[in-house]
Amino acid sequence: MKILLLLLFLPFAGFAQTMEASPEDEAGIMQAVDDLFEGMKKADAAAVRKAFAPMATLQSVVNKDGKVSVRNEPIEGFATSIGKAKPGDLNEVIDPYQIMVDGDLATAFIPYKFFLKDQRHHCGANAFTLVRLNNVWKIQAIIDTRRECVD
């Protein structure tokens, strides 16, 4: 029986191991995420755009009066709005995160607290999908949640 279970689950052991990010991959993935957040903090629309892959998407899960929907936001519109802020007004502080990698595809689940002009504005989680393009990790998609922070 033990041998049968071993044979049944052995193929999945290799799959699970390939999902862990190497230190190099994690550094590259977090560099893309950090570049986005630094661009936001500096109100640098060009830096925000540069963090994203071509044809990237940005979405938010919205729960209004108990009705859940997904709102799409064009990357260009997002970057433009960031560029209109004053440097230092926008600050997204991340909490411990989880990264999974399979070849040139990665996901990063990153809880956060968002500060507007040094005041906590909202909390939530970002689910990033990243791709390695020309040996550089780029953000292909973000879907996030936004909610009132709970202390």
N, C-alpha and C. Protein backbone atom coordinates (compact mmCIF):
# COMPACT_ATOMS: atom_id res chain seq x y z
N MET A 1 0.82 -1.20 0.00
CA MET A 1 0.00 0.00 0.00
C MET A 1 0.86 1.26 0.00
N LYS A 2 1.94 1.27 0.82
CA LYS A 2 2.82 2.43 0.87
C LYS A 2 3.48 2.67 -0.48
N ILE A 3 3.86 1.60 -1.16
CA ILE A 3 4.48 1.73 -2.47
C ILE A 3 3.49 2.30 -3.47
N LEU A 4 2.25 1.86 -3.40
CA LEU A 4 1.22 2.38 -4.29
C LEU A 4 1.01 3.88 -4.08
N LEU A 5 0.95 4.31 -2.82
CA LEU A 5 0.80 5.74 -2.52
C LEU A 5 2.01 6.52 -3.01
N LEU A 6 3.19 5.96 -2.81
CA LEU A 6 4.41 6.61 -3.27
C LEU A 6 4.39 6.80 -4.78
N LEU A 7 4.02 5.75 -5.50
CA LEU A 7 3.95 5.84 -6.96
C LEU A 7 2.88 6.82 -7.42
N LEU A 8 1.82 6.93 -6.65
CA LEU A 8 0.73 7.84 -7.00
C LEU A 8 1.15 9.30 -6.84
N PHE A 9 1.88 9.62 -5.77
CA PHE A 9 2.21 11.01 -5.46
C PHE A 9 3.60 11.45 -5.92
N LEU A 10 4.46 10.53 -6.27
CA LEU A 10 5.82 10.86 -6.69
C LEU A 10 5.87 11.83 -7.87
N PRO A 11 5.05 11.65 -8.90
CA PRO A 11 5.11 12.61 -10.02
C PRO A 11 4.81 14.04 -9.60
N PHE A 12 4.02 14.23 -8.57
CA PHE A 12 3.65 15.58 -8.13
C PHE A 12 4.75 16.23 -7.31
N ALA A 13 5.66 15.47 -6.76
CA ALA A 13 6.73 16.02 -5.95
C ALA A 13 7.62 16.93 -6.79
N GLY A 14 7.95 16.50 -7.99
CA GLY A 14 8.77 17.33 -8.88
C GLY A 14 8.04 18.59 -9.30
N PHE A 15 6.74 18.49 -9.52
CA PHE A 15 5.94 19.65 -9.91
C PHE A 15 5.95 20.69 -8.80
N ALA A 16 5.77 20.26 -7.56
CA ALA A 16 5.74 21.18 -6.44
C ALA A 16 7.08 21.89 -6.29
N GLN A 17 8.17 21.18 -6.51
CA GLN A 17 9.48 21.79 -6.37
C GLN A 17 9.74 22.84 -7.44
N THR A 18 9.21 22.67 -8.63
CA THR A 18 9.48 23.63 -9.69
C THR A 18 8.75 24.95 -9.47
N MET A 19 7.78 24.98 -8.57
CA MET A 19 7.02 26.19 -8.34
C MET A 19 7.70 27.16 -7.38
N GLU A 20 8.69 26.70 -6.64
CA GLU A 20 9.38 27.58 -5.71
C GLU A 20 10.32 28.50 -6.48
N ALA A 21 10.33 29.75 -6.09
CA ALA A 21 11.18 30.73 -6.76
C ALA A 21 12.62 30.58 -6.29
N SER A 22 13.54 30.57 -7.24
CA SER A 22 14.96 30.61 -6.88
C SER A 22 15.24 32.01 -6.32
N PRO A 23 16.32 32.16 -5.57
CA PRO A 23 16.65 33.50 -5.06
C PRO A 23 16.80 34.53 -6.19
N GLU A 24 17.36 34.10 -7.32
CA GLU A 24 17.53 35.02 -8.45
C GLU A 24 16.17 35.42 -9.04
N ASP A 25 15.28 34.43 -9.20
CA ASP A 25 13.95 34.75 -9.73
C ASP A 25 13.19 35.65 -8.76
N GLU A 26 13.24 35.33 -7.48
CA GLU A 26 12.52 36.15 -6.51
C GLU A 26 13.03 37.59 -6.54
N ALA A 27 14.34 37.76 -6.64
CA ALA A 27 14.90 39.11 -6.69
C ALA A 27 14.41 39.85 -7.93
N GLY A 28 14.39 39.18 -9.08
CA GLY A 28 13.93 39.82 -10.31
C GLY A 28 12.45 40.14 -10.28
N ILE A 29 11.66 39.24 -9.72
CA ILE A 29 10.22 39.45 -9.61
C ILE A 29 9.94 40.63 -8.69
N MET A 30 10.58 40.63 -7.54
CA MET A 30 10.35 41.72 -6.59
C MET A 30 10.92 43.03 -7.09
N GLN A 31 11.92 42.98 -7.97
CA GLN A 31 12.42 44.22 -8.58
C GLN A 31 11.33 44.86 -9.42
N ALA A 32 10.61 44.06 -10.20
CA ALA A 32 9.50 44.60 -11.01
C ALA A 32 8.42 45.20 -10.12
N VAL A 33 8.08 44.50 -9.04
CA VAL A 33 7.07 45.01 -8.11
C VAL A 33 7.57 46.28 -7.44
N ASP A 34 8.81 46.27 -6.96
CA ASP A 34 9.39 47.45 -6.32
C ASP A 34 9.46 48.63 -7.28
N ASP A 35 9.80 48.36 -8.55
CA ASP A 35 9.85 49.44 -9.55
C ASP A 35 8.49 50.11 -9.69
N LEU A 36 7.43 49.29 -9.69
CA LEU A 36 6.08 49.85 -9.77
C LEU A 36 5.79 50.73 -8.56
N PHE A 37 6.04 50.21 -7.36
CA PHE A 37 5.71 50.96 -6.15
C PHE A 37 6.60 52.20 -5.99
N GLU A 38 7.86 52.11 -6.40
CA GLU A 38 8.73 53.29 -6.35
C GLU A 38 8.25 54.35 -7.35
N GLY A 39 7.81 53.90 -8.53
CA GLY A 39 7.25 54.83 -9.50
C GLY A 39 6.02 55.53 -8.94
N MET A 40 5.19 54.78 -8.23
CA MET A 40 4.02 55.38 -7.59
C MET A 40 4.45 56.41 -6.55
N LYS A 41 5.40 56.03 -5.70
CA LYS A 41 5.86 56.92 -4.64
C LYS A 41 6.46 58.21 -5.21
N LYS A 42 7.17 58.08 -6.32
CA LYS A 42 7.82 59.25 -6.93
C LYS A 42 6.90 59.99 -7.90
N ALA A 43 5.67 59.48 -8.08
CA ALA A 43 4.71 60.06 -9.04
C ALA A 43 5.33 60.09 -10.44
N ASP A 44 6.00 59.01 -10.79
CA ASP A 44 6.73 58.89 -12.05
C ASP A 44 5.97 57.96 -13.00
N ALA A 45 5.17 58.55 -13.87
CA ALA A 45 4.34 57.76 -14.79
C ALA A 45 5.19 56.88 -15.69
N ALA A 46 6.34 57.36 -16.14
CA ALA A 46 7.20 56.57 -17.03
C ALA A 46 7.72 55.33 -16.32
N ALA A 47 8.11 55.46 -15.06
CA ALA A 47 8.60 54.31 -14.29
C ALA A 47 7.48 53.29 -14.08
N VAL A 48 6.26 53.77 -13.85
CA VAL A 48 5.12 52.87 -13.69
C VAL A 48 4.90 52.09 -14.98
N ARG A 49 4.87 52.80 -16.11
CA ARG A 49 4.68 52.13 -17.41
C ARG A 49 5.76 51.07 -17.65
N LYS A 50 6.99 51.39 -17.31
CA LYS A 50 8.13 50.51 -17.58
C LYS A 50 8.04 49.20 -16.79
N ALA A 51 7.35 49.18 -15.66
CA ALA A 51 7.24 47.96 -14.86
C ALA A 51 6.34 46.92 -15.52
N PHE A 52 5.49 47.35 -16.46
CA PHE A 52 4.50 46.47 -17.07
C PHE A 52 4.98 45.92 -18.41
N ALA A 53 4.52 44.71 -18.72
CA ALA A 53 4.73 44.10 -20.03
C ALA A 53 3.75 44.74 -21.02
N PRO A 54 4.05 44.64 -22.33
CA PRO A 54 3.07 45.12 -23.31
C PRO A 54 1.75 44.35 -23.14
N MET A 55 0.66 45.02 -23.33
CA MET A 55 -0.68 44.42 -23.25
C MET A 55 -1.04 43.96 -21.84
N ALA A 56 -0.41 44.51 -20.82
CA ALA A 56 -0.70 44.15 -19.44
C ALA A 56 -2.10 44.61 -19.05
N THR A 57 -2.63 43.99 -18.00
CA THR A 57 -3.96 44.35 -17.52
C THR A 57 -3.92 44.71 -16.04
N LEU A 58 -4.87 45.55 -15.67
CA LEU A 58 -5.01 45.99 -14.29
C LEU A 58 -6.48 45.90 -13.92
N GLN A 59 -6.78 45.15 -12.87
CA GLN A 59 -8.17 44.95 -12.47
C GLN A 59 -8.29 45.07 -10.95
N SER A 60 -9.50 45.41 -10.51
CA SER A 60 -9.81 45.46 -9.08
C SER A 60 -11.10 44.71 -8.82
N VAL A 61 -11.10 43.93 -7.75
CA VAL A 61 -12.32 43.27 -7.30
C VAL A 61 -13.06 44.29 -6.44
N VAL A 62 -14.30 44.57 -6.81
CA VAL A 62 -15.09 45.59 -6.13
C VAL A 62 -16.29 44.92 -5.49
N ASN A 63 -16.53 45.24 -4.23
CA ASN A 63 -17.71 44.74 -3.53
C ASN A 63 -18.51 45.95 -3.08
N LYS A 64 -19.53 46.27 -3.86
CA LYS A 64 -20.37 47.43 -3.55
C LYS A 64 -21.75 46.93 -3.13
N ASP A 65 -22.09 47.21 -1.89
CA ASP A 65 -23.39 46.80 -1.34
C ASP A 65 -23.62 45.30 -1.48
N GLY A 66 -22.56 44.52 -1.26
CA GLY A 66 -22.67 43.07 -1.32
C GLY A 66 -22.63 42.48 -2.71
N LYS A 67 -22.52 43.32 -3.73
CA LYS A 67 -22.44 42.83 -5.11
C LYS A 67 -20.99 42.92 -5.57
N VAL A 68 -20.43 41.76 -5.92
CA VAL A 68 -19.02 41.69 -6.32
C VAL A 68 -18.92 41.81 -7.84
N SER A 69 -17.98 42.65 -8.28
CA SER A 69 -17.70 42.79 -9.71
C SER A 69 -16.21 43.02 -9.89
N VAL A 70 -15.77 42.98 -11.12
CA VAL A 70 -14.37 43.23 -11.45
C VAL A 70 -14.31 44.46 -12.33
N ARG A 71 -13.51 45.44 -11.89
CA ARG A 71 -13.35 46.68 -12.65
C ARG A 71 -12.00 46.64 -13.37
N ASN A 72 -12.02 46.95 -14.66
CA ASN A 72 -10.81 47.02 -15.47
C ASN A 72 -10.33 48.46 -15.54
N GLU A 73 -9.01 48.64 -15.47
CA GLU A 73 -8.43 49.97 -15.62
C GLU A 73 -7.29 49.87 -16.62
N PRO A 74 -7.31 50.70 -17.65
CA PRO A 74 -6.19 50.68 -18.60
C PRO A 74 -4.88 51.09 -17.92
N ILE A 75 -3.81 50.42 -18.26
CA ILE A 75 -2.50 50.74 -17.68
C ILE A 75 -2.15 52.20 -17.95
N GLU A 76 -2.42 52.67 -19.15
CA GLU A 76 -2.08 54.05 -19.49
C GLU A 76 -2.82 55.04 -18.59
N GLY A 77 -4.10 54.78 -18.34
CA GLY A 77 -4.86 55.66 -17.45
C GLY A 77 -4.32 55.63 -16.03
N PHE A 78 -3.94 54.44 -15.57
CA PHE A 78 -3.36 54.29 -14.24
C PHE A 78 -2.05 55.07 -14.15
N ALA A 79 -1.17 54.88 -15.12
CA ALA A 79 0.12 55.57 -15.11
C ALA A 79 -0.06 57.08 -15.16
N THR A 80 -0.99 57.54 -15.98
CA THR A 80 -1.25 58.98 -16.09
C THR A 80 -1.73 59.53 -14.75
N SER A 81 -2.62 58.81 -14.08
CA SER A 81 -3.11 59.29 -12.78
C SER A 81 -1.99 59.33 -11.75
N ILE A 82 -1.09 58.37 -11.80
CA ILE A 82 0.06 58.37 -10.89
C ILE A 82 0.93 59.60 -11.15
N GLY A 83 1.14 59.92 -12.42
CA GLY A 83 1.95 61.08 -12.78
C GLY A 83 1.36 62.40 -12.34
N LYS A 84 0.07 62.44 -12.06
CA LYS A 84 -0.58 63.68 -11.60
C LYS A 84 -0.47 63.88 -10.09
N ALA A 85 -0.06 62.84 -9.37
CA ALA A 85 0.11 62.96 -7.92
C ALA A 85 1.38 63.74 -7.63
N LYS A 86 1.53 64.16 -6.40
CA LYS A 86 2.77 64.80 -5.97
C LYS A 86 3.70 63.72 -5.45
N PRO A 87 5.01 63.83 -5.72
CA PRO A 87 5.94 62.84 -5.18
C PRO A 87 5.77 62.71 -3.67
N GLY A 88 5.71 61.47 -3.21
CA GLY A 88 5.56 61.19 -1.79
C GLY A 88 4.12 61.03 -1.32
N ASP A 89 3.16 61.41 -2.16
CA ASP A 89 1.74 61.31 -1.75
C ASP A 89 1.23 59.87 -1.75
N LEU A 90 1.76 59.02 -2.60
CA LEU A 90 1.28 57.65 -2.75
C LEU A 90 2.33 56.67 -2.22
N ASN A 91 1.92 55.81 -1.31
CA ASN A 91 2.88 54.85 -0.76
C ASN A 91 2.16 53.53 -0.48
N GLU A 92 2.58 52.49 -1.16
CA GLU A 92 2.01 51.16 -0.96
C GLU A 92 3.03 50.33 -0.19
N VAL A 93 2.68 49.96 1.03
CA VAL A 93 3.56 49.21 1.92
C VAL A 93 3.12 47.75 1.88
N ILE A 94 4.06 46.87 1.54
CA ILE A 94 3.69 45.46 1.38
C ILE A 94 3.97 44.66 2.65
N ASP A 95 3.19 43.61 2.81
CA ASP A 95 3.33 42.66 3.91
C ASP A 95 4.00 41.40 3.36
N PRO A 96 4.29 40.41 4.21
CA PRO A 96 4.89 39.17 3.70
C PRO A 96 4.10 38.61 2.52
N TYR A 97 4.84 38.11 1.54
CA TYR A 97 4.24 37.71 0.27
C TYR A 97 4.61 36.28 -0.08
N GLN A 98 3.93 35.77 -1.11
CA GLN A 98 4.21 34.42 -1.61
C GLN A 98 4.44 34.49 -3.12
N ILE A 99 5.51 33.87 -3.59
CA ILE A 99 5.84 33.84 -5.01
C ILE A 99 5.91 32.40 -5.48
N MET A 100 5.36 32.15 -6.66
CA MET A 100 5.47 30.84 -7.31
C MET A 100 5.95 31.07 -8.73
N VAL A 101 6.83 30.18 -9.21
CA VAL A 101 7.44 30.34 -10.53
C VAL A 101 7.38 29.02 -11.28
N ASP A 102 7.09 29.11 -12.57
CA ASP A 102 7.21 27.97 -13.47
C ASP A 102 7.84 28.50 -14.75
N GLY A 103 9.13 28.31 -14.89
CA GLY A 103 9.84 28.80 -16.07
C GLY A 103 9.81 30.32 -16.13
N ASP A 104 9.19 30.84 -17.19
CA ASP A 104 9.14 32.28 -17.41
C ASP A 104 7.83 32.91 -16.94
N LEU A 105 7.07 32.19 -16.13
CA LEU A 105 5.80 32.66 -15.58
C LEU A 105 5.88 32.66 -14.07
N ALA A 106 5.39 33.72 -13.45
CA ALA A 106 5.39 33.79 -11.98
C ALA A 106 4.11 34.44 -11.49
N THR A 107 3.75 34.09 -10.27
CA THR A 107 2.68 34.79 -9.57
C THR A 107 3.24 35.27 -8.24
N ALA A 108 2.75 36.40 -7.81
CA ALA A 108 3.11 36.94 -6.50
C ALA A 108 1.84 37.42 -5.83
N PHE A 109 1.56 36.90 -4.65
CA PHE A 109 0.40 37.32 -3.87
C PHE A 109 0.93 38.20 -2.75
N ILE A 110 0.54 39.48 -2.78
CA ILE A 110 1.17 40.46 -1.90
C ILE A 110 0.11 41.30 -1.18
N PRO A 111 -0.13 41.02 0.10
CA PRO A 111 -1.00 41.91 0.88
C PRO A 111 -0.34 43.28 1.03
N TYR A 112 -1.15 44.32 1.16
CA TYR A 112 -0.59 45.67 1.23
C TYR A 112 -1.44 46.60 2.08
N LYS A 113 -0.82 47.72 2.43
CA LYS A 113 -1.50 48.86 3.04
C LYS A 113 -1.16 50.06 2.16
N PHE A 114 -2.18 50.81 1.76
CA PHE A 114 -1.97 51.97 0.88
C PHE A 114 -2.13 53.25 1.69
N PHE A 115 -1.13 54.12 1.56
CA PHE A 115 -1.14 55.40 2.26
C PHE A 115 -1.25 56.53 1.24
N LEU A 116 -2.13 57.47 1.50
CA LEU A 116 -2.31 58.66 0.69
C LEU A 116 -1.96 59.85 1.57
N LYS A 117 -0.92 60.56 1.18
CA LYS A 117 -0.43 61.70 1.96
C LYS A 117 -0.19 61.30 3.42
N ASP A 118 0.50 60.20 3.60
CA ASP A 118 0.90 59.67 4.92
C ASP A 118 -0.26 59.21 5.79
N GLN A 119 -1.46 59.14 5.25
CA GLN A 119 -2.62 58.63 5.98
C GLN A 119 -3.03 57.29 5.38
N ARG A 120 -3.25 56.31 6.25
CA ARG A 120 -3.66 55.00 5.75
C ARG A 120 -5.02 55.16 5.08
N HIS A 121 -5.09 54.77 3.82
CA HIS A 121 -6.28 54.97 2.99
C HIS A 121 -7.10 53.69 2.87
N HIS A 122 -6.42 52.59 2.53
CA HIS A 122 -7.09 51.29 2.43
C HIS A 122 -6.05 50.18 2.48
N CYS A 123 -6.53 48.97 2.61
CA CYS A 123 -5.70 47.77 2.62
C CYS A 123 -6.25 46.80 1.59
N GLY A 124 -5.51 45.74 1.34
CA GLY A 124 -5.98 44.73 0.40
C GLY A 124 -4.87 43.77 0.04
N ALA A 125 -5.04 43.15 -1.11
CA ALA A 125 -4.03 42.22 -1.61
C ALA A 125 -3.91 42.41 -3.12
N ASN A 126 -2.69 42.31 -3.60
CA ASN A 126 -2.40 42.33 -5.03
C ASN A 126 -2.05 40.92 -5.46
N ALA A 127 -2.65 40.46 -6.53
CA ALA A 127 -2.26 39.19 -7.15
C ALA A 127 -1.60 39.56 -8.48
N PHE A 128 -0.27 39.43 -8.52
CA PHE A 128 0.51 39.77 -9.71
C PHE A 128 0.73 38.52 -10.55
N THR A 129 0.65 38.68 -11.86
CA THR A 129 1.16 37.69 -12.80
C THR A 129 2.30 38.37 -13.53
N LEU A 130 3.45 37.71 -13.55
CA LEU A 130 4.63 38.28 -14.19
C LEU A 130 5.17 37.33 -15.23
N VAL A 131 5.82 37.88 -16.25
CA VAL A 131 6.48 37.09 -17.28
C VAL A 131 7.91 37.59 -17.42
N ARG A 132 8.80 36.65 -17.75
CA ARG A 132 10.20 37.03 -17.99
C ARG A 132 10.34 37.27 -19.48
N LEU A 133 10.58 38.53 -19.84
CA LEU A 133 10.75 38.93 -21.24
C LEU A 133 12.18 39.43 -21.42
N ASN A 134 12.92 38.84 -22.34
CA ASN A 134 14.32 39.23 -22.56
C ASN A 134 15.11 39.23 -21.25
N ASN A 135 14.87 38.20 -20.44
CA ASN A 135 15.56 38.00 -19.16
C ASN A 135 15.23 39.03 -18.09
N VAL A 136 14.13 39.76 -18.26
CA VAL A 136 13.69 40.75 -17.27
C VAL A 136 12.25 40.44 -16.89
N TRP A 137 11.96 40.36 -15.60
CA TRP A 137 10.59 40.13 -15.15
C TRP A 137 9.76 41.39 -15.32
N LYS A 138 8.58 41.25 -15.93
CA LYS A 138 7.65 42.36 -16.15
C LYS A 138 6.27 41.95 -15.63
N ILE A 139 5.51 42.92 -15.20
CA ILE A 139 4.16 42.66 -14.71
C ILE A 139 3.23 42.52 -15.90
N GLN A 140 2.59 41.37 -16.00
CA GLN A 140 1.62 41.12 -17.07
C GLN A 140 0.20 41.44 -16.62
N ALA A 141 -0.07 41.22 -15.35
CA ALA A 141 -1.42 41.49 -14.84
C ALA A 141 -1.37 41.72 -13.33
N ILE A 142 -2.27 42.58 -12.89
CA ILE A 142 -2.52 42.75 -11.46
C ILE A 142 -4.03 42.73 -11.28
N ILE A 143 -4.48 41.97 -10.31
CA ILE A 143 -5.86 42.08 -9.85
C ILE A 143 -5.75 42.28 -8.35
N ASP A 144 -6.48 43.26 -7.84
CA ASP A 144 -6.35 43.58 -6.42
C ASP A 144 -7.70 43.69 -5.73
N THR A 145 -7.62 43.68 -4.42
CA THR A 145 -8.77 43.97 -3.58
C THR A 145 -8.48 45.25 -2.83
N ARG A 146 -9.53 45.94 -2.44
CA ARG A 146 -9.39 47.16 -1.64
C ARG A 146 -10.48 47.12 -0.58
N ARG A 147 -10.05 47.33 0.65
CA ARG A 147 -11.00 47.29 1.76
C ARG A 147 -10.51 48.21 2.86
N GLU A 148 -11.39 48.45 3.81
CA GLU A 148 -11.00 49.22 4.97
C GLU A 148 -9.99 48.41 5.77
N CYS A 149 -8.99 49.07 6.29
CA CYS A 149 -7.97 48.38 7.08
C CYS A 149 -8.53 47.99 8.45
N VAL A 150 -8.14 46.82 8.89
CA VAL A 150 -8.51 46.33 10.22
C VAL A 150 -7.24 46.31 11.05
N ASP A 151 -7.24 47.00 12.16
CA ASP A 151 -6.04 47.04 13.01
C ASP A 151 -5.80 45.74 13.72
